[in-house]
PDB file of N, CA and C in Angstrom:
ATOM      1  N   UNK A   1       5.279  43.568  16.695  1.00  0.00           N
ATOM      2  CA  UNK A   1       3.918  43.089  16.623  1.00  0.00           C
ATOM      3  C   UNK A   1       3.901  41.667  16.073  1.00  0.00           C
ATOM      4  N   UNK A   2       3.022  40.832  16.614  1.00  0.00           N
ATOM      5  CA  UNK A   2       2.923  39.458  16.105  1.00  0.00           C
ATOM      6  C   UNK A   2       2.359  39.416  14.677  1.00  0.00           C
ATOM      7  N   UNK A   3       2.756  38.388  13.959  1.00  0.00           N
ATOM      8  CA  UNK A   3       2.253  38.182  12.593  1.00  0.00           C
ATOM      9  C   UNK A   3       1.245  37.037  12.629  1.00  0.00           C
ATOM     10  N   UNK A   4       0.129  37.245  11.920  1.00  0.00           N
ATOM     11  CA  UNK A   4      -0.936  36.253  11.826  1.00  0.00           C
ATOM     12  C   UNK A   4      -1.149  35.899  10.356  1.00  0.00           C
ATOM     13  N   UNK A   5      -1.534  34.632  10.134  1.00  0.00           N
ATOM     14  CA  UNK A   5      -1.760  34.123   8.785  1.00  0.00           C
ATOM     15  C   UNK A   5      -3.214  33.702   8.646  1.00  0.00           C
ATOM     16  N   UNK A   6      -3.814  34.009   7.495  1.00  0.00           N
ATOM     17  CA  UNK A   6      -5.234  33.820   7.267  1.00  0.00           C
ATOM     18  C   UNK A   6      -5.438  32.914   6.051  1.00  0.00           C
ATOM     19  N   UNK A   7      -5.484  31.613   6.305  1.00  0.00           N
ATOM     20  CA  UNK A   7      -5.661  30.636   5.234  1.00  0.00           C
ATOM     21  C   UNK A   7      -7.149  30.435   4.965  1.00  0.00           C
ATOM     22  N   UNK A   8      -7.498  30.211   3.702  1.00  0.00           N
ATOM     23  CA  UNK A   8      -8.860  29.863   3.318  1.00  0.00           C
ATOM     24  C   UNK A   8      -8.922  28.345   3.226  1.00  0.00           C
ATOM     25  N   UNK A   9      -9.888  27.746   3.923  1.00  0.00           N
ATOM     26  CA  UNK A   9      -9.929  26.294   4.045  1.00  0.00           C
ATOM     27  C   UNK A   9     -11.313  25.754   3.689  1.00  0.00           C
ATOM     28  N   UNK A  10     -11.313  24.729   2.871  1.00  0.00           N
ATOM     29  CA  UNK A  10     -12.478  23.887   2.570  1.00  0.00           C
ATOM     30  C   UNK A  10     -11.886  22.501   2.356  1.00  0.00           C
ATOM     31  N   UNK A  11     -12.250  21.798   1.298  1.00  0.00           N
ATOM     32  CA  UNK A  11     -11.538  20.558   1.004  1.00  0.00           C
ATOM     33  C   UNK A  11     -10.199  20.882   0.338  1.00  0.00           C
ATOM     34  N   UNK A  12     -10.025  22.151  -0.026  1.00  0.00           N
ATOM     35  CA  UNK A  12      -8.756  22.681  -0.526  1.00  0.00           C
ATOM     36  C   UNK A  12      -8.305  23.750   0.466  1.00  0.00           C
ATOM     37  N   UNK A  13      -7.040  24.108   0.412  1.00  0.00           N
ATOM     38  CA  UNK A  13      -6.542  25.193   1.257  1.00  0.00           C
ATOM     39  C   UNK A  13      -5.801  26.199   0.394  1.00  0.00           C
ATOM     40  N   UNK A  14      -6.124  27.472   0.610  1.00  0.00           N
ATOM     41  CA  UNK A  14      -5.400  28.560  -0.034  1.00  0.00           C
ATOM     42  C   UNK A  14      -4.580  29.204   1.083  1.00  0.00           C
ATOM     43  N   UNK A  15      -3.266  28.995   1.034  1.00  0.00           N
ATOM     44  CA  UNK A  15      -2.397  29.450   2.112  1.00  0.00           C
ATOM     45  C   UNK A  15      -2.045  30.927   1.977  1.00  0.00           C
ATOM     46  N   UNK A  16      -2.073  31.607   3.104  1.00  0.00           N
ATOM     47  CA  UNK A  16      -1.626  32.993   3.203  1.00  0.00           C
ATOM     48  C   UNK A  16      -0.123  32.937   3.461  1.00  0.00           C
ATOM     49  N   UNK A  17       0.655  33.334   2.487  1.00  0.00           N
ATOM     50  CA  UNK A  17       2.116  33.235   2.623  1.00  0.00           C
ATOM     51  C   UNK A  17       2.762  34.503   3.166  1.00  0.00           C
ATOM     52  N   UNK A  18       1.989  35.590   3.234  1.00  0.00           N
ATOM     53  CA  UNK A  18       2.554  36.856   3.702  1.00  0.00           C
ATOM     54  C   UNK A  18       2.200  37.149   5.149  1.00  0.00           C
ATOM     55  N   UNK A  19       0.947  36.947   5.520  1.00  0.00           N
ATOM     56  CA  UNK A  19       0.500  37.264   6.866  1.00  0.00           C
ATOM     57  C   UNK A  19       0.325  38.757   7.065  1.00  0.00           C
ATOM     58  N   UNK A  20      -0.180  39.093   8.241  1.00  0.00           N
ATOM     59  CA  UNK A  20      -0.441  40.489   8.597  1.00  0.00           C
ATOM     60  C   UNK A  20       0.016  40.694  10.037  1.00  0.00           C
ATOM     61  N   UNK A  21       0.709  41.780  10.289  1.00  0.00           N
ATOM     62  CA  UNK A  21       1.120  42.119  11.654  1.00  0.00           C
ATOM     63  C   UNK A  21      -0.026  42.842  12.347  1.00  0.00           C
ATOM     64  N   UNK A  22      -0.440  42.288  13.471  1.00  0.00           N
ATOM     65  CA  UNK A  22      -1.534  42.868  14.256  1.00  0.00           C
ATOM     66  C   UNK A  22      -1.154  42.826  15.728  1.00  0.00           C
ATOM     67  N   UNK A  23      -1.797  43.657  16.521  1.00  0.00           N
ATOM     68  CA  UNK A  23      -1.429  43.803  17.932  1.00  0.00           C
ATOM     69  C   UNK A  23      -1.696  42.554  18.769  1.00  0.00           C
ATOM     70  N   UNK A  24      -2.803  41.845  18.480  1.00  0.00           N
ATOM     71  CA  UNK A  24      -3.160  40.702  19.322  1.00  0.00           C
ATOM     72  C   UNK A  24      -4.166  39.791  18.621  1.00  0.00           C
ATOM     73  N   UNK A  25      -4.540  38.725  19.297  1.00  0.00           N
ATOM     74  CA  UNK A  25      -5.455  37.735  18.732  1.00  0.00           C
ATOM     75  C   UNK A  25      -6.850  38.313  18.483  1.00  0.00           C
ATOM     76  N   UNK A  26      -7.268  39.237  19.318  1.00  0.00           N
ATOM     77  CA  UNK A  26      -8.573  39.877  19.131  1.00  0.00           C
ATOM     78  C   UNK A  26      -8.615  40.651  17.811  1.00  0.00           C
ATOM     79  N   UNK A  27      -7.542  41.372  17.506  1.00  0.00           N
ATOM     80  CA  UNK A  27      -7.471  42.089  16.233  1.00  0.00           C
ATOM     81  C   UNK A  27      -7.404  41.111  15.062  1.00  0.00           C
ATOM     82  N   UNK A  28      -6.744  39.974  15.271  1.00  0.00           N
ATOM     83  CA  UNK A  28      -6.672  38.955  14.227  1.00  0.00           C
ATOM     84  C   UNK A  28      -8.067  38.397  13.933  1.00  0.00           C
ATOM     85  N   UNK A  29      -8.872  38.191  14.953  1.00  0.00           N
ATOM     86  CA  UNK A  29     -10.242  37.707  14.761  1.00  0.00           C
ATOM     87  C   UNK A  29     -11.064  38.731  13.974  1.00  0.00           C
ATOM     88  N   UNK A  30     -10.961  39.986  14.333  1.00  0.00           N
ATOM     89  CA  UNK A  30     -11.691  41.044  13.617  1.00  0.00           C
ATOM     90  C   UNK A  30     -11.244  41.121  12.159  1.00  0.00           C
ATOM     91  N   UNK A  31      -9.947  40.996  11.947  1.00  0.00           N
ATOM     92  CA  UNK A  31      -9.404  41.028  10.586  1.00  0.00           C
ATOM     93  C   UNK A  31      -9.944  39.848   9.777  1.00  0.00           C
ATOM     94  N   UNK A  32      -9.962  38.657  10.377  1.00  0.00           N
ATOM     95  CA  UNK A  32     -10.455  37.454   9.695  1.00  0.00           C
ATOM     96  C   UNK A  32     -11.917  37.621   9.292  1.00  0.00           C
ATOM     97  N   UNK A  33     -12.727  38.173  10.175  1.00  0.00           N
ATOM     98  CA  UNK A  33     -14.138  38.384   9.870  1.00  0.00           C
ATOM     99  C   UNK A  33     -14.307  39.395   8.737  1.00  0.00           C
ATOM    100  N   UNK A  34     -13.550  40.476   8.772  1.00  0.00           N
ATOM    101  CA  UNK A  34     -13.615  41.486   7.707  1.00  0.00           C
ATOM    102  C   UNK A  34     -13.141  40.911   6.380  1.00  0.00           C
ATOM    103  N   UNK A  35     -12.092  40.120   6.424  1.00  0.00           N
ATOM    104  CA  UNK A  35     -11.547  39.467   5.233  1.00  0.00           C
ATOM    105  C   UNK A  35     -12.603  38.558   4.595  1.00  0.00           C
ATOM    106  N   UNK A  36     -13.266  37.753   5.414  1.00  0.00           N
ATOM    107  CA  UNK A  36     -14.309  36.849   4.911  1.00  0.00           C
ATOM    108  C   UNK A  36     -15.480  37.633   4.328  1.00  0.00           C
ATOM    109  N   UNK A  37     -15.919  38.677   5.014  1.00  0.00           N
ATOM    110  CA  UNK A  37     -17.034  39.491   4.503  1.00  0.00           C
ATOM    111  C   UNK A  37     -16.687  40.130   3.159  1.00  0.00           C
ATOM    112  N   UNK A  38     -15.464  40.608   3.037  1.00  0.00           N
ATOM    113  CA  UNK A  38     -15.021  41.222   1.789  1.00  0.00           C
ATOM    114  C   UNK A  38     -15.053  40.207   0.643  1.00  0.00           C
ATOM    115  N   UNK A  39     -14.582  38.998   0.906  1.00  0.00           N
ATOM    116  CA  UNK A  39     -14.621  37.948  -0.118  1.00  0.00           C
ATOM    117  C   UNK A  39     -16.063  37.619  -0.510  1.00  0.00           C
ATOM    118  N   UNK A  40     -16.950  37.551   0.479  1.00  0.00           N
ATOM    119  CA  UNK A  40     -18.354  37.246   0.201  1.00  0.00           C
ATOM    120  C   UNK A  40     -19.001  38.324  -0.655  1.00  0.00           C
ATOM    121  N   UNK A  41     -18.621  39.572  -0.429  1.00  0.00           N
ATOM    122  CA  UNK A  41     -19.191  40.679  -1.199  1.00  0.00           C
ATOM    123  C   UNK A  41     -18.671  40.687  -2.628  1.00  0.00           C
ATOM    124  N   UNK A  42     -17.428  40.283  -2.819  1.00  0.00           N
ATOM    125  CA  UNK A  42     -16.804  40.360  -4.139  1.00  0.00           C
ATOM    126  C   UNK A  42     -17.018  39.133  -5.003  1.00  0.00           C
ATOM    127  N   UNK A  43     -17.184  37.979  -4.380  1.00  0.00           N
ATOM    128  CA  UNK A  43     -17.270  36.728  -5.141  1.00  0.00           C
ATOM    129  C   UNK A  43     -18.419  35.877  -4.627  1.00  0.00           C
ATOM    130  N   UNK A  44     -19.181  35.303  -5.537  1.00  0.00           N
ATOM    131  CA  UNK A  44     -20.243  34.381  -5.153  1.00  0.00           C
ATOM    132  C   UNK A  44     -19.700  33.017  -4.783  1.00  0.00           C
ATOM    133  N   UNK A  45     -18.529  32.689  -5.340  1.00  0.00           N
ATOM    134  CA  UNK A  45     -17.928  31.385  -5.094  1.00  0.00           C
ATOM    135  C   UNK A  45     -16.425  31.539  -4.939  1.00  0.00           C
ATOM    136  N   UNK A  46     -15.833  30.580  -4.268  1.00  0.00           N
ATOM    137  CA  UNK A  46     -14.374  30.505  -4.140  1.00  0.00           C
ATOM    138  C   UNK A  46     -13.939  29.175  -4.721  1.00  0.00           C
ATOM    139  N   UNK A  47     -13.087  29.221  -5.728  1.00  0.00           N
ATOM    140  CA  UNK A  47     -12.595  28.022  -6.401  1.00  0.00           C
ATOM    141  C   UNK A  47     -13.749  27.098  -6.799  1.00  0.00           C
ATOM    142  N   UNK A  48     -14.841  27.705  -7.268  1.00  0.00           N
ATOM    143  CA  UNK A  48     -15.971  26.942  -7.772  1.00  0.00           C
ATOM    144  C   UNK A  48     -16.951  26.447  -6.728  1.00  0.00           C
ATOM    145  N   UNK A  49     -16.747  26.767  -5.468  1.00  0.00           N
ATOM    146  CA  UNK A  49     -17.648  26.320  -4.412  1.00  0.00           C
ATOM    147  C   UNK A  49     -18.248  27.515  -3.687  1.00  0.00           C
ATOM    148  N   UNK A  50     -19.468  27.335  -3.213  1.00  0.00           N
ATOM    149  CA  UNK A  50     -20.136  28.369  -2.433  1.00  0.00           C
ATOM    150  C   UNK A  50     -19.259  28.775  -1.258  1.00  0.00           C
ATOM    151  N   UNK A  51     -19.247  30.047  -0.951  1.00  0.00           N
ATOM    152  CA  UNK A  51     -18.438  30.509   0.174  1.00  0.00           C
ATOM    153  C   UNK A  51     -18.928  29.948   1.496  1.00  0.00           C
ATOM    154  N   UNK A  52     -20.176  29.453   1.541  1.00  0.00           N
ATOM    155  CA  UNK A  52     -20.693  28.864   2.782  1.00  0.00           C
ATOM    156  C   UNK A  52     -19.886  27.648   3.230  1.00  0.00           C
ATOM    157  N   UNK A  53     -19.188  27.019   2.295  1.00  0.00           N
ATOM    158  CA  UNK A  53     -18.386  25.841   2.620  1.00  0.00           C
ATOM    159  C   UNK A  53     -17.004  26.202   3.165  1.00  0.00           C
ATOM    160  N   UNK A  54     -16.607  27.441   3.040  1.00  0.00           N
ATOM    161  CA  UNK A  54     -15.246  27.857   3.389  1.00  0.00           C
ATOM    162  C   UNK A  54     -15.132  28.387   4.816  1.00  0.00           C
ATOM    163  N   UNK A  55     -13.913  28.382   5.308  1.00  0.00           N
ATOM    164  CA  UNK A  55     -13.570  28.965   6.610  1.00  0.00           C
ATOM    165  C   UNK A  55     -12.277  29.743   6.465  1.00  0.00           C
ATOM    166  N   UNK A  56     -12.063  30.662   7.386  1.00  0.00           N
ATOM    167  CA  UNK A  56     -10.768  31.329   7.522  1.00  0.00           C
ATOM    168  C   UNK A  56     -10.106  30.688   8.729  1.00  0.00           C
ATOM    169  N   UNK A  57      -8.913  30.165   8.523  1.00  0.00           N
ATOM    170  CA  UNK A  57      -8.155  29.546   9.602  1.00  0.00           C
ATOM    171  C   UNK A  57      -6.996  30.472   9.943  1.00  0.00           C
ATOM    172  N   UNK A  58      -6.924  30.889  11.186  1.00  0.00           N
ATOM    173  CA  UNK A  58      -5.921  31.865  11.607  1.00  0.00           C
ATOM    174  C   UNK A  58      -4.827  31.163  12.403  1.00  0.00           C
ATOM    175  N   UNK A  59      -3.585  31.432  11.982  1.00  0.00           N
ATOM    176  CA  UNK A  59      -2.411  30.851  12.642  1.00  0.00           C
ATOM    177  C   UNK A  59      -1.481  31.968  13.088  1.00  0.00           C
ATOM    178  N   UNK A  60      -0.649  31.642  14.071  1.00  0.00           N
ATOM    179  CA  UNK A  60       0.319  32.639  14.539  1.00  0.00           C
ATOM    180  C   UNK A  60       1.620  32.522  13.740  1.00  0.00           C
ATOM    181  N   UNK A  61       2.620  33.252  14.137  1.00  0.00           N
ATOM    182  CA  UNK A  61       3.902  33.278  13.443  1.00  0.00           C
ATOM    183  C   UNK A  61       4.641  31.947  13.442  1.00  0.00           C
ATOM    184  N   UNK A  62       4.277  31.043  14.352  1.00  0.00           N
ATOM    185  CA  UNK A  62       4.863  29.702  14.381  1.00  0.00           C
ATOM    186  C   UNK A  62       3.969  28.714  13.623  1.00  0.00           C
ATOM    187  N   UNK A  63       2.975  29.239  12.913  1.00  0.00           N
ATOM    188  CA  UNK A  63       2.008  28.466  12.133  1.00  0.00           C
ATOM    189  C   UNK A  63       1.189  27.506  12.990  1.00  0.00           C
ATOM    190  N   UNK A  64       0.980  27.886  14.242  1.00  0.00           N
ATOM    191  CA  UNK A  64       0.093  27.133  15.128  1.00  0.00           C
ATOM    192  C   UNK A  64      -1.318  27.691  14.933  1.00  0.00           C
ATOM    193  N   UNK A  65      -2.273  26.803  14.613  1.00  0.00           N
ATOM    194  CA  UNK A  65      -3.644  27.262  14.401  1.00  0.00           C
ATOM    195  C   UNK A  65      -4.220  27.803  15.700  1.00  0.00           C
ATOM    196  N   UNK A  66      -4.735  29.015  15.631  1.00  0.00           N
ATOM    197  CA  UNK A  66      -5.330  29.658  16.795  1.00  0.00           C
ATOM    198  C   UNK A  66      -6.839  29.480  16.826  1.00  0.00           C
ATOM    199  N   UNK A  67      -7.473  29.672  15.683  1.00  0.00           N
ATOM    200  CA  UNK A  67      -8.917  29.497  15.586  1.00  0.00           C
ATOM    201  C   UNK A  67      -9.331  29.432  14.129  1.00  0.00           C
ATOM    202  N   UNK A  68     -10.583  29.011  13.940  1.00  0.00           N
ATOM    203  CA  UNK A  68     -11.157  28.873  12.603  1.00  0.00           C
ATOM    204  C   UNK A  68     -12.531  29.512  12.624  1.00  0.00           C
ATOM    205  N   UNK A  69     -12.817  30.320  11.604  1.00  0.00           N
ATOM    206  CA  UNK A  69     -14.112  30.994  11.514  1.00  0.00           C
ATOM    207  C   UNK A  69     -14.798  30.563  10.216  1.00  0.00           C
ATOM    208  N   UNK A  70     -15.859  29.766  10.306  1.00  0.00           N
ATOM    209  CA  UNK A  70     -16.611  29.407   9.100  1.00  0.00           C
ATOM    210  C   UNK A  70     -17.301  30.643   8.523  1.00  0.00           C
ATOM    211  N   UNK A  71     -17.257  30.777   7.214  1.00  0.00           N
ATOM    212  CA  UNK A  71     -17.929  31.900   6.566  1.00  0.00           C
ATOM    213  C   UNK A  71     -19.407  31.917   6.930  1.00  0.00           C
ATOM    214  N   UNK A  72     -20.003  30.739   7.082  1.00  0.00           N
ATOM    215  CA  UNK A  72     -21.436  30.657   7.385  1.00  0.00           C
ATOM    216  C   UNK A  72     -21.787  31.315   8.720  1.00  0.00           C
ATOM    217  N   UNK A  73     -20.827  31.407   9.634  1.00  0.00           N
ATOM    218  CA  UNK A  73     -21.080  32.043  10.931  1.00  0.00           C
ATOM    219  C   UNK A  73     -21.111  33.567  10.831  1.00  0.00           C
ATOM    220  N   UNK A  74     -20.522  34.105   9.774  1.00  0.00           N
ATOM    221  CA  UNK A  74     -20.474  35.557   9.644  1.00  0.00           C
ATOM    222  C   UNK A  74     -21.123  36.010   8.344  1.00  0.00           C
ATOM    223  N   UNK A  75     -22.025  35.178   7.833  1.00  0.00           N
ATOM    224  CA  UNK A  75     -22.689  35.487   6.550  1.00  0.00           C
ATOM    225  C   UNK A  75     -23.348  36.852   6.609  1.00  0.00           C
ATOM    226  N   UNK A  76     -23.282  37.524   5.502  1.00  0.00           N
ATOM    227  CA  UNK A  76     -23.903  38.845   5.403  1.00  0.00           C
ATOM    228  C   UNK A  76     -25.411  38.692   5.373  1.00  0.00           C
ATOM    229  N   UNK A  77     -26.145  39.465   6.162  1.00  0.00           N
ATOM    230  CA  UNK A  77     -27.594  39.320   6.215  1.00  0.00           C
ATOM    231  C   UNK A  77     -28.293  39.634   4.886  1.00  0.00           C
ATOM    232  N   UNK A  78     -27.740  40.496   4.085  1.00  0.00           N
ATOM    233  CA  UNK A  78     -28.389  40.874   2.822  1.00  0.00           C
ATOM    234  C   UNK A  78     -27.790  40.151   1.624  1.00  0.00           C
ATOM    235  N   UNK A  79     -26.969  39.139   1.865  1.00  0.00           N
ATOM    236  CA  UNK A  79     -26.315  38.415   0.775  1.00  0.00           C
ATOM    237  C   UNK A  79     -26.964  37.035   0.666  1.00  0.00           C
ATOM    238  N   UNK A  80     -27.581  36.712  -0.460  1.00  0.00           N
ATOM    239  CA  UNK A  80     -28.268  35.430  -0.590  1.00  0.00           C
ATOM    240  C   UNK A  80     -27.300  34.262  -0.549  1.00  0.00           C
ATOM    241  N   UNK A  81     -27.632  33.249   0.268  1.00  0.00           N
ATOM    242  CA  UNK A  81     -26.752  32.089   0.438  1.00  0.00           C
ATOM    243  C   UNK A  81     -26.762  31.191  -0.785  1.00  0.00           C
ATOM    244  N   UNK A  82     -27.704  31.376  -1.679  1.00  0.00           N
ATOM    245  CA  UNK A  82     -27.786  30.537  -2.863  1.00  0.00           C
ATOM    246  C   UNK A  82     -26.888  31.021  -3.989  1.00  0.00           C
ATOM    247  N   UNK A  83     -26.253  32.129  -3.829  1.00  0.00           N
ATOM    248  CA  UNK A  83     -25.418  32.699  -4.882  1.00  0.00           C
ATOM    249  C   UNK A  83     -24.200  31.871  -5.145  1.00  0.00           C
TER     250      UNK A  83
END
């Protein structure tokens, strides 16, 4: 199974050094969205900044960026953006 890496990106980057083995890019996208939602539920801010400023950047096993998902695109409907 391919390995995907899920870095958190804003003006800083928090690198995923372990990655996750998933069947395909579609599963990686679903995982990235779930990962972002989980962070939004647990923390109001990441490294002192609103999560609205952050994105999840997904790379493959060769560290080639496949796609980027801004947290603001998957914001939780019941989670206040001002938090």
